[in-house]
């Protein structure tokens, strides 16, 4: 059949374990592929069904000491699907930082993070 294409606002692209790639997208969450080298890579939204409160990513970080540990920073939403009316620029849930310790299979919100902070970058200090 015909090839399908779509577009979105990608904030960050990072490689996890070799051959596994992640993107953080505005209004779309975190996506993973293991087929980036294919003509039509298969991307999967890894936040679907997870206990996280944010769908708009503004930062993404993969640990240099353990590439299975991935951090995703929440940012403002720019979609009318995220608010009650048309005036929703930067009205997303600014819920802090999410973490996965198993290569993006499961996610949780980091605790004790101040609410409503727009994450612009993530620095991991070990």
PDB file of N, CA and C in Angstrom:
ATOM      1  N   UNK A   1       0.811  -1.183   0.000  1.00  0.00           N
ATOM      2  CA  UNK A   1       0.000   0.000   0.000  1.00  0.00           C
ATOM      3  C   UNK A   1       0.850   1.240   0.000  1.00  0.00           C
ATOM      4  N   UNK A   2       0.200   2.390   0.002  1.00  0.00           N
ATOM      5  CA  UNK A   2       0.938   3.651   0.021  1.00  0.00           C
ATOM      6  C   UNK A   2       1.623   3.865   1.363  1.00  0.00           C
ATOM      7  N   UNK A   3       2.726   4.562   1.321  1.00  0.00           N
ATOM      8  CA  UNK A   3       3.438   4.883   2.545  1.00  0.00           C
ATOM      9  C   UNK A   3       2.709   6.008   3.256  1.00  0.00           C
ATOM     10  N   UNK A   4       2.597   5.888   4.572  1.00  0.00           N
ATOM     11  CA  UNK A   4       1.953   6.908   5.379  1.00  0.00           C
ATOM     12  C   UNK A   4       3.017   7.781   6.011  1.00  0.00           C
ATOM     13  N   UNK A   5       2.735   9.039   6.122  1.00  0.00           N
ATOM     14  CA  UNK A   5       3.672   9.972   6.747  1.00  0.00           C
ATOM     15  C   UNK A   5       2.900  10.899   7.659  1.00  0.00           C
ATOM     16  N   UNK A   6       3.580  11.392   8.651  1.00  0.00           N
ATOM     17  CA  UNK A   6       2.981  12.390   9.531  1.00  0.00           C
ATOM     18  C   UNK A   6       4.085  13.325   9.991  1.00  0.00           C
ATOM     19  N   UNK A   7       3.689  14.399  10.608  1.00  0.00           N
ATOM     20  CA  UNK A   7       4.653  15.388  11.065  1.00  0.00           C
ATOM     21  C   UNK A   7       4.324  15.781  12.490  1.00  0.00           C
ATOM     22  N   UNK A   8       5.314  16.235  13.220  1.00  0.00           N
ATOM     23  CA  UNK A   8       5.122  16.700  14.579  1.00  0.00           C
ATOM     24  C   UNK A   8       6.309  17.529  15.002  1.00  0.00           C
ATOM     25  N   UNK A   9       6.158  18.209  16.111  1.00  0.00           N
ATOM     26  CA  UNK A   9       7.233  19.042  16.636  1.00  0.00           C
ATOM     27  C   UNK A   9       8.088  18.209  17.578  1.00  0.00           C
ATOM     28  N   UNK A  10       9.293  17.888  17.146  1.00  0.00           N
ATOM     29  CA  UNK A  10      10.210  17.078  17.947  1.00  0.00           C
ATOM     30  C   UNK A  10      11.160  18.019  18.679  1.00  0.00           C
ATOM     31  N   UNK A  11      11.259  17.833  19.991  1.00  0.00           N
ATOM     32  CA  UNK A  11      12.137  18.664  20.804  1.00  0.00           C
ATOM     33  C   UNK A  11      13.536  18.080  20.927  1.00  0.00           C
ATOM     34  N   UNK A  12      13.634  16.746  20.955  1.00  0.00           N
ATOM     35  CA  UNK A  12      14.927  16.130  21.201  1.00  0.00           C
ATOM     36  C   UNK A  12      14.961  14.720  20.625  1.00  0.00           C
ATOM     37  N   UNK A  13      16.145  14.306  20.174  1.00  0.00           N
ATOM     38  CA  UNK A  13      16.385  12.947  19.681  1.00  0.00           C
ATOM     39  C   UNK A  13      17.605  12.408  20.413  1.00  0.00           C
ATOM     40  N   UNK A  14      17.470  11.223  21.008  1.00  0.00           N
ATOM     41  CA  UNK A  14      18.580  10.630  21.766  1.00  0.00           C
ATOM     42  C   UNK A  14      18.649   9.137  21.489  1.00  0.00           C
ATOM     43  N   UNK A  15      19.882   8.595  21.479  1.00  0.00           N
ATOM     44  CA  UNK A  15      20.055   7.153  21.381  1.00  0.00           C
ATOM     45  C   UNK A  15      20.210   6.576  22.783  1.00  0.00           C
ATOM     46  N   UNK A  16      19.448   5.527  23.074  1.00  0.00           N
ATOM     47  CA  UNK A  16      19.567   4.802  24.340  1.00  0.00           C
ATOM     48  C   UNK A  16      20.624   3.729  24.181  1.00  0.00           C
ATOM     49  N   UNK A  17      20.241   2.472  24.440  1.00  0.00           N
ATOM     50  CA  UNK A  17      21.172   1.387  24.162  1.00  0.00           C
ATOM     51  C   UNK A  17      21.394   1.370  22.657  1.00  0.00           C
ATOM     52  N   UNK A  18      22.529   0.877  22.183  1.00  0.00           N
ATOM     53  CA  UNK A  18      22.804   0.928  20.743  1.00  0.00           C
ATOM     54  C   UNK A  18      21.644   0.363  19.906  1.00  0.00           C
ATOM     55  N   UNK A  19      21.223   1.173  18.937  1.00  0.00           N
ATOM     56  CA  UNK A  19      20.153   0.778  18.036  1.00  0.00           C
ATOM     57  C   UNK A  19      18.754   1.151  18.495  1.00  0.00           C
ATOM     58  N   UNK A  20      18.624   1.704  19.689  1.00  0.00           N
ATOM     59  CA  UNK A  20      17.319   2.141  20.205  1.00  0.00           C
ATOM     60  C   UNK A  20      17.317   3.652  20.312  1.00  0.00           C
ATOM     61  N   UNK A  21      16.376   4.290  19.616  1.00  0.00           N
ATOM     62  CA  UNK A  21      16.305   5.744  19.555  1.00  0.00           C
ATOM     63  C   UNK A  21      15.012   6.245  20.174  1.00  0.00           C
ATOM     64  N   UNK A  22      15.093   7.431  20.802  1.00  0.00           N
ATOM     65  CA  UNK A  22      13.950   8.071  21.446  1.00  0.00           C
ATOM     66  C   UNK A  22      13.782   9.483  20.901  1.00  0.00           C
ATOM     67  N   UNK A  23      12.540   9.919  20.798  1.00  0.00           N
ATOM     68  CA  UNK A  23      12.271  11.330  20.534  1.00  0.00           C
ATOM     69  C   UNK A  23      11.299  11.828  21.592  1.00  0.00           C
ATOM     70  N   UNK A  24      11.474  13.072  21.969  1.00  0.00           N
ATOM     71  CA  UNK A  24      10.534  13.761  22.845  1.00  0.00           C
ATOM     72  C   UNK A  24       9.801  14.785  22.007  1.00  0.00           C
ATOM     73  N   UNK A  25       8.477  14.742  22.042  1.00  0.00           N
ATOM     74  CA  UNK A  25       7.708  15.600  21.150  1.00  0.00           C
ATOM     75  C   UNK A  25       6.737  16.495  21.910  1.00  0.00           C
ATOM     76  N   UNK A  26       6.469  17.655  21.334  1.00  0.00           N
ATOM     77  CA  UNK A  26       5.482  18.582  21.875  1.00  0.00           C
ATOM     78  C   UNK A  26       4.106  17.959  21.651  1.00  0.00           C
ATOM     79  N   UNK A  27       3.328  17.850  22.712  1.00  0.00           N
ATOM     80  CA  UNK A  27       1.963  17.316  22.683  1.00  0.00           C
ATOM     81  C   UNK A  27       1.892  15.841  22.342  1.00  0.00           C
ATOM     82  N   UNK A  28       3.014  15.153  22.172  1.00  0.00           N
ATOM     83  CA  UNK A  28       2.947  13.771  21.725  1.00  0.00           C
ATOM     84  C   UNK A  28       3.660  12.759  22.589  1.00  0.00           C
ATOM     85  N   UNK A  29       4.347  13.183  23.624  1.00  0.00           N
ATOM     86  CA  UNK A  29       5.010  12.245  24.516  1.00  0.00           C
ATOM     87  C   UNK A  29       6.391  11.826  24.059  1.00  0.00           C
ATOM     88  N   UNK A  30       6.787  10.625  24.471  1.00  0.00           N
ATOM     89  CA  UNK A  30       8.093  10.053  24.152  1.00  0.00           C
ATOM     90  C   UNK A  30       7.866   8.840  23.251  1.00  0.00           C
ATOM     91  N   UNK A  31       8.629   8.793  22.180  1.00  0.00           N
ATOM     92  CA  UNK A  31       8.508   7.715  21.194  1.00  0.00           C
ATOM     93  C   UNK A  31       9.835   6.980  21.079  1.00  0.00           C
ATOM     94  N   UNK A  32       9.771   5.656  20.791  1.00  0.00           N
ATOM     95  CA  UNK A  32      10.971   4.821  20.687  1.00  0.00           C
ATOM     96  C   UNK A  32      10.914   4.002  19.396  1.00  0.00           C
ATOM     97  N   UNK A  33      12.087   3.811  18.795  1.00  0.00           N
ATOM     98  CA  UNK A  33      12.199   2.910  17.649  1.00  0.00           C
ATOM     99  C   UNK A  33      13.479   2.098  17.759  1.00  0.00           C
ATOM    100  N   UNK A  34      13.428   0.904  17.228  1.00  0.00           N
ATOM    101  CA  UNK A  34      14.637   0.086  17.079  1.00  0.00           C
ATOM    102  C   UNK A  34      14.890  -0.170  15.597  1.00  0.00           C
ATOM    103  N   UNK A  35      14.182   0.581  14.755  1.00  0.00           N
ATOM    104  CA  UNK A  35      14.298   0.367  13.307  1.00  0.00           C
ATOM    105  C   UNK A  35      14.614   1.667  12.567  1.00  0.00           C
ATOM    106  N   UNK A  36      15.441   2.515  13.181  1.00  0.00           N
ATOM    107  CA  UNK A  36      15.761   3.801  12.566  1.00  0.00           C
ATOM    108  C   UNK A  36      16.450   3.633  11.222  1.00  0.00           C
ATOM    109  N   UNK A  37      17.155   2.537  11.037  1.00  0.00           N
ATOM    110  CA  UNK A  37      17.878   2.315   9.792  1.00  0.00           C
ATOM    111  C   UNK A  37      16.973   1.793   8.666  1.00  0.00           C
ATOM    112  N   UNK A  38      15.711   1.538   8.960  1.00  0.00           N
ATOM    113  CA  UNK A  38      14.776   1.055   7.955  1.00  0.00           C
ATOM    114  C   UNK A  38      14.211   2.216   7.132  1.00  0.00           C
ATOM    115  N   UNK A  39      13.694   1.921   5.966  1.00  0.00           N
ATOM    116  CA  UNK A  39      13.085   2.949   5.126  1.00  0.00           C
ATOM    117  C   UNK A  39      11.902   3.609   5.822  1.00  0.00           C
ATOM    118  N   UNK A  40      11.118   2.829   6.548  1.00  0.00           N
ATOM    119  CA  UNK A  40       9.961   3.340   7.301  1.00  0.00           C
ATOM    120  C   UNK A  40      10.059   2.856   8.741  1.00  0.00           C
ATOM    121  N   UNK A  41      10.791   3.581   9.591  1.00  0.00           N
ATOM    122  CA  UNK A  41      10.940   3.143  10.988  1.00  0.00           C
ATOM    123  C   UNK A  41       9.587   3.045  11.690  1.00  0.00           C
ATOM    124  N   UNK A  42       9.486   2.097  12.607  1.00  0.00           N
ATOM    125  CA  UNK A  42       8.280   1.927  13.407  1.00  0.00           C
ATOM    126  C   UNK A  42       8.491   2.603  14.757  1.00  0.00           C
ATOM    127  N   UNK A  43       7.743   3.673  15.016  1.00  0.00           N
ATOM    128  CA  UNK A  43       7.843   4.421  16.266  1.00  0.00           C
ATOM    129  C   UNK A  43       6.683   4.025  17.171  1.00  0.00           C
ATOM    130  N   UNK A  44       6.966   3.824  18.463  1.00  0.00           N
ATOM    131  CA  UNK A  44       5.956   3.453  19.451  1.00  0.00           C
ATOM    132  C   UNK A  44       5.966   4.496  20.562  1.00  0.00           C
ATOM    133  N   UNK A  45       4.771   4.989  20.942  1.00  0.00           N
ATOM    134  CA  UNK A  45       4.674   5.923  22.057  1.00  0.00           C
ATOM    135  C   UNK A  45       4.830   5.134  23.347  1.00  0.00           C
ATOM    136  N   UNK A  46       5.906   5.378  24.083  1.00  0.00           N
ATOM    137  CA  UNK A  46       6.207   4.591  25.274  1.00  0.00           C
ATOM    138  C   UNK A  46       5.524   5.121  26.537  1.00  0.00           C
ATOM    139  N   UNK A  47       4.788   6.218  26.436  1.00  0.00           N
ATOM    140  CA  UNK A  47       4.079   6.744  27.602  1.00  0.00           C
ATOM    141  C   UNK A  47       2.630   6.283  27.676  1.00  0.00           C
ATOM    142  N   UNK A  48       2.119   5.673  26.614  1.00  0.00           N
ATOM    143  CA  UNK A  48       0.742   5.191  26.639  1.00  0.00           C
ATOM    144  C   UNK A  48       0.553   4.203  27.783  1.00  0.00           C
ATOM    145  N   UNK A  49      -0.456   4.448  28.615  1.00  0.00           N
ATOM    146  CA  UNK A  49      -0.768   3.553  29.719  1.00  0.00           C
ATOM    147  C   UNK A  49       0.154   3.660  30.921  1.00  0.00           C
ATOM    148  N   UNK A  50       1.065   4.624  30.933  1.00  0.00           N
ATOM    149  CA  UNK A  50       2.003   4.785  32.048  1.00  0.00           C
ATOM    150  C   UNK A  50       1.436   5.758  33.083  1.00  0.00           C
ATOM    151  N   UNK A  51       1.841   5.638  34.344  1.00  0.00           N
ATOM    152  CA  UNK A  51       1.327   6.529  35.400  1.00  0.00           C
ATOM    153  C   UNK A  51       2.048   7.876  35.430  1.00  0.00           C
ATOM    154  N   UNK A  52       2.000   8.601  34.313  1.00  0.00           N
ATOM    155  CA  UNK A  52       2.651   9.905  34.212  1.00  0.00           C
ATOM    156  C   UNK A  52       1.602  10.949  33.869  1.00  0.00           C
ATOM    157  N   UNK A  53       1.908  12.204  34.166  1.00  0.00           N
ATOM    158  CA  UNK A  53       0.909  13.262  34.026  1.00  0.00           C
ATOM    159  C   UNK A  53       1.200  14.246  32.911  1.00  0.00           C
ATOM    160  N   UNK A  54       2.163  13.964  32.088  1.00  0.00           N
ATOM    161  CA  UNK A  54       2.588  14.935  31.086  1.00  0.00           C
ATOM    162  C   UNK A  54       2.642  14.286  29.711  1.00  0.00           C
ATOM    163  N   UNK A  55       2.199  15.021  28.692  1.00  0.00           N
ATOM    164  CA  UNK A  55       2.286  14.496  27.329  1.00  0.00           C
ATOM    165  C   UNK A  55       3.103  15.400  26.415  1.00  0.00           C
ATOM    166  N   UNK A  56       3.549  16.534  26.936  1.00  0.00           N
ATOM    167  CA  UNK A  56       4.312  17.468  26.122  1.00  0.00           C
ATOM    168  C   UNK A  56       5.749  17.540  26.628  1.00  0.00           C
ATOM    169  N   UNK A  57       6.681  17.030  25.822  1.00  0.00           N
ATOM    170  CA  UNK A  57       8.082  16.945  26.230  1.00  0.00           C
ATOM    171  C   UNK A  57       8.858  18.179  25.785  1.00  0.00           C
ATOM    172  N   UNK A  58       9.704  18.660  26.658  1.00  0.00           N
ATOM    173  CA  UNK A  58      10.555  19.795  26.319  1.00  0.00           C
ATOM    174  C   UNK A  58      12.037  19.463  26.472  1.00  0.00           C
ATOM    175  N   UNK A  59      12.355  18.297  27.024  1.00  0.00           N
ATOM    176  CA  UNK A  59      13.752  17.883  27.178  1.00  0.00           C
ATOM    177  C   UNK A  59      13.811  16.366  27.279  1.00  0.00           C
ATOM    178  N   UNK A  60      14.917  15.802  26.843  1.00  0.00           N
ATOM    179  CA  UNK A  60      15.130  14.362  26.896  1.00  0.00           C
ATOM    180  C   UNK A  60      16.603  14.125  27.199  1.00  0.00           C
ATOM    181  N   UNK A  61      16.884  13.158  28.080  1.00  0.00           N
ATOM    182  CA  UNK A  61      18.267  12.873  28.449  1.00  0.00           C
ATOM    183  C   UNK A  61      18.435  11.373  28.650  1.00  0.00           C
ATOM    184  N   UNK A  62      19.517  10.806  28.126  1.00  0.00           N
ATOM    185  CA  UNK A  62      19.884   9.412  28.346  1.00  0.00           C
ATOM    186  C   UNK A  62      21.151   9.405  29.193  1.00  0.00           C
ATOM    187  N   UNK A  63      21.139   8.638  30.259  1.00  0.00           N
ATOM    188  CA  UNK A  63      22.275   8.575  31.170  1.00  0.00           C
ATOM    189  C   UNK A  63      23.525   8.095  30.448  1.00  0.00           C
ATOM    190  N   UNK A  64      24.641   8.749  30.716  1.00  0.00           N
ATOM    191  CA  UNK A  64      25.903   8.328  30.103  1.00  0.00           C
ATOM    192  C   UNK A  64      26.455   7.070  30.769  1.00  0.00           C
ATOM    193  N   UNK A  65      26.073   6.805  32.016  1.00  0.00           N
ATOM    194  CA  UNK A  65      26.571   5.617  32.710  1.00  0.00           C
ATOM    195  C   UNK A  65      25.660   4.404  32.534  1.00  0.00           C
ATOM    196  N   UNK A  66      24.398   4.622  32.185  1.00  0.00           N
ATOM    197  CA  UNK A  66      23.457   3.521  31.983  1.00  0.00           C
ATOM    198  C   UNK A  66      22.428   3.947  30.940  1.00  0.00           C
ATOM    199  N   UNK A  67      22.612   3.581  29.677  1.00  0.00           N
ATOM    200  CA  UNK A  67      21.714   4.045  28.623  1.00  0.00           C
ATOM    201  C   UNK A  67      20.297   3.494  28.719  1.00  0.00           C
ATOM    202  N   UNK A  68      20.023   2.634  29.700  1.00  0.00           N
ATOM    203  CA  UNK A  68      18.650   2.197  29.943  1.00  0.00           C
ATOM    204  C   UNK A  68      17.888   3.214  30.789  1.00  0.00           C
ATOM    205  N   UNK A  69      18.624   4.167  31.398  1.00  0.00           N
ATOM    206  CA  UNK A  69      18.009   5.207  32.241  1.00  0.00           C
ATOM    207  C   UNK A  69      17.766   6.449  31.392  1.00  0.00           C
ATOM    208  N   UNK A  70      16.486   6.786  31.227  1.00  0.00           N
ATOM    209  CA  UNK A  70      16.090   7.894  30.360  1.00  0.00           C
ATOM    210  C   UNK A  70      15.233   8.862  31.156  1.00  0.00           C
ATOM    211  N   UNK A  71      15.494  10.137  30.987  1.00  0.00           N
ATOM    212  CA  UNK A  71      14.731  11.190  31.649  1.00  0.00           C
ATOM    213  C   UNK A  71      13.979  11.987  30.582  1.00  0.00           C
ATOM    214  N   UNK A  72      12.752  12.361  30.881  1.00  0.00           N
ATOM    215  CA  UNK A  72      11.960  13.200  29.978  1.00  0.00           C
ATOM    216  C   UNK A  72      11.394  14.369  30.773  1.00  0.00           C
ATOM    217  N   UNK A  73      11.658  15.578  30.298  1.00  0.00           N
ATOM    218  CA  UNK A  73      11.185  16.783  30.971  1.00  0.00           C
ATOM    219  C   UNK A  73       9.898  17.295  30.362  1.00  0.00           C
ATOM    220  N   UNK A  74       8.965  17.659  31.217  1.00  0.00           N
ATOM    221  CA  UNK A  74       7.657  18.155  30.772  1.00  0.00           C
ATOM    222  C   UNK A  74       7.726  19.640  30.445  1.00  0.00           C
ATOM    223  N   UNK A  75       6.971  20.019  29.438  1.00  0.00           N
ATOM    224  CA  UNK A  75       6.930  21.415  29.036  1.00  0.00           C
ATOM    225  C   UNK A  75       5.529  21.835  28.684  1.00  0.00           C
ATOM    226  N   UNK A  76       5.392  23.046  28.215  1.00  0.00           N
ATOM    227  CA  UNK A  76       4.091  23.603  27.901  1.00  0.00           C
ATOM    228  C   UNK A  76       3.480  22.988  26.662  1.00  0.00           C
ATOM    229  N   UNK A  77       2.186  22.831  26.711  1.00  0.00           N
ATOM    230  CA  UNK A  77       1.429  22.309  25.583  1.00  0.00           C
ATOM    231  C   UNK A  77       1.060  23.442  24.640  1.00  0.00           C
ATOM    232  N   UNK A  78       0.938  23.128  23.378  1.00  0.00           N
ATOM    233  CA  UNK A  78       0.501  24.137  22.404  1.00  0.00           C
ATOM    234  C   UNK A  78      -0.634  23.597  21.559  1.00  0.00           C
ATOM    235  N   UNK A  79      -1.471  22.749  22.146  1.00  0.00           N
ATOM    236  CA  UNK A  79      -2.547  22.119  21.392  1.00  0.00           C
ATOM    237  C   UNK A  79      -3.887  22.414  22.030  1.00  0.00           C
ATOM    238  N   UNK A  80      -4.882  22.653  21.213  1.00  0.00           N
ATOM    239  CA  UNK A  80      -6.217  22.884  21.745  1.00  0.00           C
ATOM    240  C   UNK A  80      -6.779  21.633  22.390  1.00  0.00           C
ATOM    241  N   UNK A  81      -6.171  20.476  22.129  1.00  0.00           N
ATOM    242  CA  UNK A  81      -6.611  19.248  22.782  1.00  0.00           C
ATOM    243  C   UNK A  81      -6.186  19.213  24.246  1.00  0.00           C
ATOM    244  N   UNK A  82      -5.320  20.121  24.656  1.00  0.00           N
ATOM    245  CA  UNK A  82      -4.805  20.116  26.016  1.00  0.00           C
ATOM    246  C   UNK A  82      -5.474  21.161  26.904  1.00  0.00           C
ATOM    247  N   UNK A  83      -6.470  21.858  26.410  1.00  0.00           N
ATOM    248  CA  UNK A  83      -7.101  22.909  27.204  1.00  0.00           C
ATOM    249  C   UNK A  83      -8.574  23.055  26.893  1.00  0.00           C
ATOM    250  N   UNK A  84      -9.227  23.938  27.623  1.00  0.00           N
ATOM    251  CA  UNK A  84     -10.672  24.112  27.506  1.00  0.00           C
ATOM    252  C   UNK A  84     -11.074  25.002  26.336  1.00  0.00           C
ATOM    253  N   UNK A  85     -10.171  25.829  25.850  1.00  0.00           N
ATOM    254  CA  UNK A  85     -10.526  26.708  24.738  1.00  0.00           C
ATOM    255  C   UNK A  85      -9.321  26.884  23.825  1.00  0.00           C
ATOM    256  N   UNK A  86      -9.428  27.773  22.869  1.00  0.00           N
ATOM    257  CA  UNK A  86      -8.367  27.974  21.880  1.00  0.00           C
ATOM    258  C   UNK A  86      -7.110  28.600  22.471  1.00  0.00           C
ATOM    259  N   UNK A  87      -7.204  29.271  23.603  1.00  0.00           N
ATOM    260  CA  UNK A  87      -6.093  30.014  24.182  1.00  0.00           C
ATOM    261  C   UNK A  87      -5.306  29.106  25.139  1.00  0.00           C
ATOM    262  N   UNK A  88      -4.545  28.177  24.583  1.00  0.00           N
ATOM    263  CA  UNK A  88      -3.865  27.196  25.414  1.00  0.00           C
ATOM    264  C   UNK A  88      -2.350  27.164  25.224  1.00  0.00           C
ATOM    265  N   UNK A  89      -1.775  28.165  24.582  1.00  0.00           N
ATOM    266  CA  UNK A  89      -0.331  28.162  24.395  1.00  0.00           C
ATOM    267  C   UNK A  89       0.348  28.054  25.763  1.00  0.00           C
ATOM    268  N   UNK A  90       1.237  27.091  25.886  1.00  0.00           N
ATOM    269  CA  UNK A  90       1.967  26.832  27.129  1.00  0.00           C
ATOM    270  C   UNK A  90       1.047  26.575  28.317  1.00  0.00           C
ATOM    271  N   UNK A  91      -0.044  25.855  28.066  1.00  0.00           N
ATOM    272  CA  UNK A  91      -0.948  25.531  29.155  1.00  0.00           C
ATOM    273  C   UNK A  91      -0.870  24.068  29.554  1.00  0.00           C
ATOM    274  N   UNK A  92       0.165  23.366  29.106  1.00  0.00           N
ATOM    275  CA  UNK A  92       0.280  21.945  29.420  1.00  0.00           C
ATOM    276  C   UNK A  92       0.564  21.710  30.889  1.00  0.00           C
ATOM    277  N   UNK A  93       0.504  20.467  31.289  1.00  0.00           N
ATOM    278  CA  UNK A  93       0.803  20.092  32.654  1.00  0.00           C
ATOM    279  C   UNK A  93       2.317  20.131  32.830  1.00  0.00           C
ATOM    280  N   UNK A  94       2.800  21.131  33.495  1.00  0.00           N
ATOM    281  CA  UNK A  94       4.242  21.295  33.708  1.00  0.00           C
ATOM    282  C   UNK A  94       4.632  20.490  34.932  1.00  0.00           C
ATOM    283  N   UNK A  95       4.596  19.190  34.806  1.00  0.00           N
ATOM    284  CA  UNK A  95       4.651  18.305  35.960  1.00  0.00           C
ATOM    285  C   UNK A  95       6.044  17.853  36.354  1.00  0.00           C
ATOM    286  N   UNK A  96       7.075  18.381  35.769  1.00  0.00           N
ATOM    287  CA  UNK A  96       8.419  18.012  36.200  1.00  0.00           C
ATOM    288  C   UNK A  96       9.118  17.046  35.276  1.00  0.00           C
ATOM    289  N   UNK A  97       9.716  16.001  35.865  1.00  0.00           N
ATOM    290  CA  UNK A  97      10.551  15.067  35.105  1.00  0.00           C
ATOM    291  C   UNK A  97      10.070  13.637  35.318  1.00  0.00           C
ATOM    292  N   UNK A  98      10.034  12.887  34.215  1.00  0.00           N
ATOM    293  CA  UNK A  98       9.709  11.467  34.257  1.00  0.00           C
ATOM    294  C   UNK A  98      10.997  10.681  34.064  1.00  0.00           C
ATOM    295  N   UNK A  99      11.030   9.450  34.592  1.00  0.00           N
ATOM    296  CA  UNK A  99      12.217   8.615  34.458  1.00  0.00           C
ATOM    297  C   UNK A  99      11.823   7.178  34.112  1.00  0.00           C
ATOM    298  N   UNK A 100      12.643   6.578  33.266  1.00  0.00           N
ATOM    299  CA  UNK A 100      12.555   5.155  32.973  1.00  0.00           C
ATOM    300  C   UNK A 100      13.921   4.554  33.283  1.00  0.00           C
ATOM    301  N   UNK A 101      13.944   3.432  33.944  1.00  0.00           N
ATOM    302  CA  UNK A 101      15.218   2.768  34.262  1.00  0.00           C
ATOM    303  C   UNK A 101      15.375   1.463  33.489  1.00  0.00           C
ATOM    304  N   UNK A 102      14.421   1.185  32.575  1.00  0.00           N
ATOM    305  CA  UNK A 102      14.454  -0.070  31.825  1.00  0.00           C
ATOM    306  C   UNK A 102      14.354   0.147  30.313  1.00  0.00           C
ATOM    307  N   UNK A 103      14.992   1.206  29.842  1.00  0.00           N
ATOM    308  CA  UNK A 103      15.027   1.457  28.408  1.00  0.00           C
ATOM    309  C   UNK A 103      13.725   1.976  27.819  1.00  0.00           C
ATOM    310  N   UNK A 104      12.884   2.572  28.657  1.00  0.00           N
ATOM    311  CA  UNK A 104      11.650   3.173  28.163  1.00  0.00           C
ATOM    312  C   UNK A 104      10.440   2.274  28.208  1.00  0.00           C
ATOM    313  N   UNK A 105      10.545   1.102  28.817  1.00  0.00           N
ATOM    314  CA  UNK A 105       9.396   0.198  28.910  1.00  0.00           C
ATOM    315  C   UNK A 105       8.407   0.665  29.966  1.00  0.00           C
ATOM    316  N   UNK A 106       8.912   1.137  31.114  1.00  0.00           N
ATOM    317  CA  UNK A 106       8.041   1.676  32.164  1.00  0.00           C
ATOM    318  C   UNK A 106       8.557   3.050  32.574  1.00  0.00           C
ATOM    319  N   UNK A 107       7.633   3.901  33.026  1.00  0.00           N
ATOM    320  CA  UNK A 107       7.950   5.286  33.387  1.00  0.00           C
ATOM    321  C   UNK A 107       7.269   5.638  34.696  1.00  0.00           C
ATOM    322  N   UNK A 108       7.880   6.580  35.413  1.00  0.00           N
ATOM    323  CA  UNK A 108       7.253   7.143  36.603  1.00  0.00           C
ATOM    324  C   UNK A 108       7.681   8.599  36.739  1.00  0.00           C
ATOM    325  N   UNK A 109       6.871   9.357  37.457  1.00  0.00           N
ATOM    326  CA  UNK A 109       7.209  10.749  37.727  1.00  0.00           C
ATOM    327  C   UNK A 109       8.257  10.782  38.833  1.00  0.00           C
ATOM    328  N   UNK A 110       9.249  11.657  38.722  1.00  0.00           N
ATOM    329  CA  UNK A 110      10.201  11.851  39.811  1.00  0.00           C
ATOM    330  C   UNK A 110       9.471  12.620  40.904  1.00  0.00           C
ATOM    331  N   UNK A 111       9.660  12.211  42.134  1.00  0.00           N
ATOM    332  CA  UNK A 111       8.973  12.837  43.257  1.00  0.00           C
ATOM    333  C   UNK A 111       9.727  14.061  43.747  1.00  0.00           C
ATOM    334  N   UNK A 112       9.043  14.850  44.539  1.00  0.00           N
ATOM    335  CA  UNK A 112       9.614  16.036  45.191  1.00  0.00           C
ATOM    336  C   UNK A 112      10.101  17.077  44.190  1.00  0.00           C
ATOM    337  N   UNK A 113       9.439  17.149  43.053  1.00  0.00           N
ATOM    338  CA  UNK A 113       9.805  18.165  42.079  1.00  0.00           C
ATOM    339  C   UNK A 113       8.763  19.277  42.152  1.00  0.00           C
ATOM    340  N   UNK A 114       9.187  20.534  42.216  1.00  0.00           N
ATOM    341  CA  UNK A 114       8.215  21.624  42.307  1.00  0.00           C
ATOM    342  C   UNK A 114       7.262  21.607  41.111  1.00  0.00           C
ATOM    343  N   UNK A 115       5.978  21.833  41.331  1.00  0.00           N
ATOM    344  CA  UNK A 115       5.013  21.819  40.225  1.00  0.00           C
ATOM    345  C   UNK A 115       5.165  23.039  39.315  1.00  0.00           C
ATOM    346  N   UNK A 116       4.703  22.880  38.096  1.00  0.00           N
ATOM    347  CA  UNK A 116       4.604  23.979  37.129  1.00  0.00           C
ATOM    348  C   UNK A 116       5.937  24.603  36.749  1.00  0.00           C
ATOM    349  N   UNK A 117       6.959  23.770  36.584  1.00  0.00           N
ATOM    350  CA  UNK A 117       8.242  24.247  36.083  1.00  0.00           C
ATOM    351  C   UNK A 117       8.456  23.708  34.677  1.00  0.00           C
ATOM    352  N   UNK A 118       8.706  24.592  33.757  1.00  0.00           N
ATOM    353  CA  UNK A 118       8.973  24.218  32.374  1.00  0.00           C
ATOM    354  C   UNK A 118      10.412  23.736  32.296  1.00  0.00           C
ATOM    355  N   UNK A 119      10.614  22.478  31.935  1.00  0.00           N
ATOM    356  CA  UNK A 119      11.948  21.883  31.888  1.00  0.00           C
ATOM    357  C   UNK A 119      12.582  22.179  30.522  1.00  0.00           C
ATOM    358  N   UNK A 120      13.723  22.828  30.513  1.00  0.00           N
ATOM    359  CA  UNK A 120      14.372  23.148  29.249  1.00  0.00           C
ATOM    360  C   UNK A 120      15.575  22.269  28.956  1.00  0.00           C
ATOM    361  N   UNK A 121      16.124  21.622  29.993  1.00  0.00           N
ATOM    362  CA  UNK A 121      17.277  20.739  29.803  1.00  0.00           C
ATOM    363  C   UNK A 121      17.390  19.861  31.042  1.00  0.00           C
ATOM    364  N   UNK A 122      18.058  18.735  30.886  1.00  0.00           N
ATOM    365  CA  UNK A 122      18.252  17.813  31.996  1.00  0.00           C
ATOM    366  C   UNK A 122      19.737  17.495  32.104  1.00  0.00           C
ATOM    367  N   UNK A 123      20.292  17.688  33.280  1.00  0.00           N
ATOM    368  CA  UNK A 123      21.690  17.387  33.556  1.00  0.00           C
ATOM    369  C   UNK A 123      21.721  16.353  34.664  1.00  0.00           C
ATOM    370  N   UNK A 124      22.369  15.243  34.410  1.00  0.00           N
ATOM    371  CA  UNK A 124      22.472  14.181  35.403  1.00  0.00           C
ATOM    372  C   UNK A 124      23.834  14.266  36.063  1.00  0.00           C
ATOM    373  N   UNK A 125      23.826  14.332  37.391  1.00  0.00           N
ATOM    374  CA  UNK A 125      25.078  14.388  38.160  1.00  0.00           C
ATOM    375  C   UNK A 125      25.181  13.075  38.927  1.00  0.00           C
ATOM    376  N   UNK A 126      26.278  12.381  38.722  1.00  0.00           N
ATOM    377  CA  UNK A 126      26.444  11.088  39.401  1.00  0.00           C
ATOM    378  C   UNK A 126      27.497  11.161  40.474  1.00  0.00           C
TER     379      UNK A 126
END
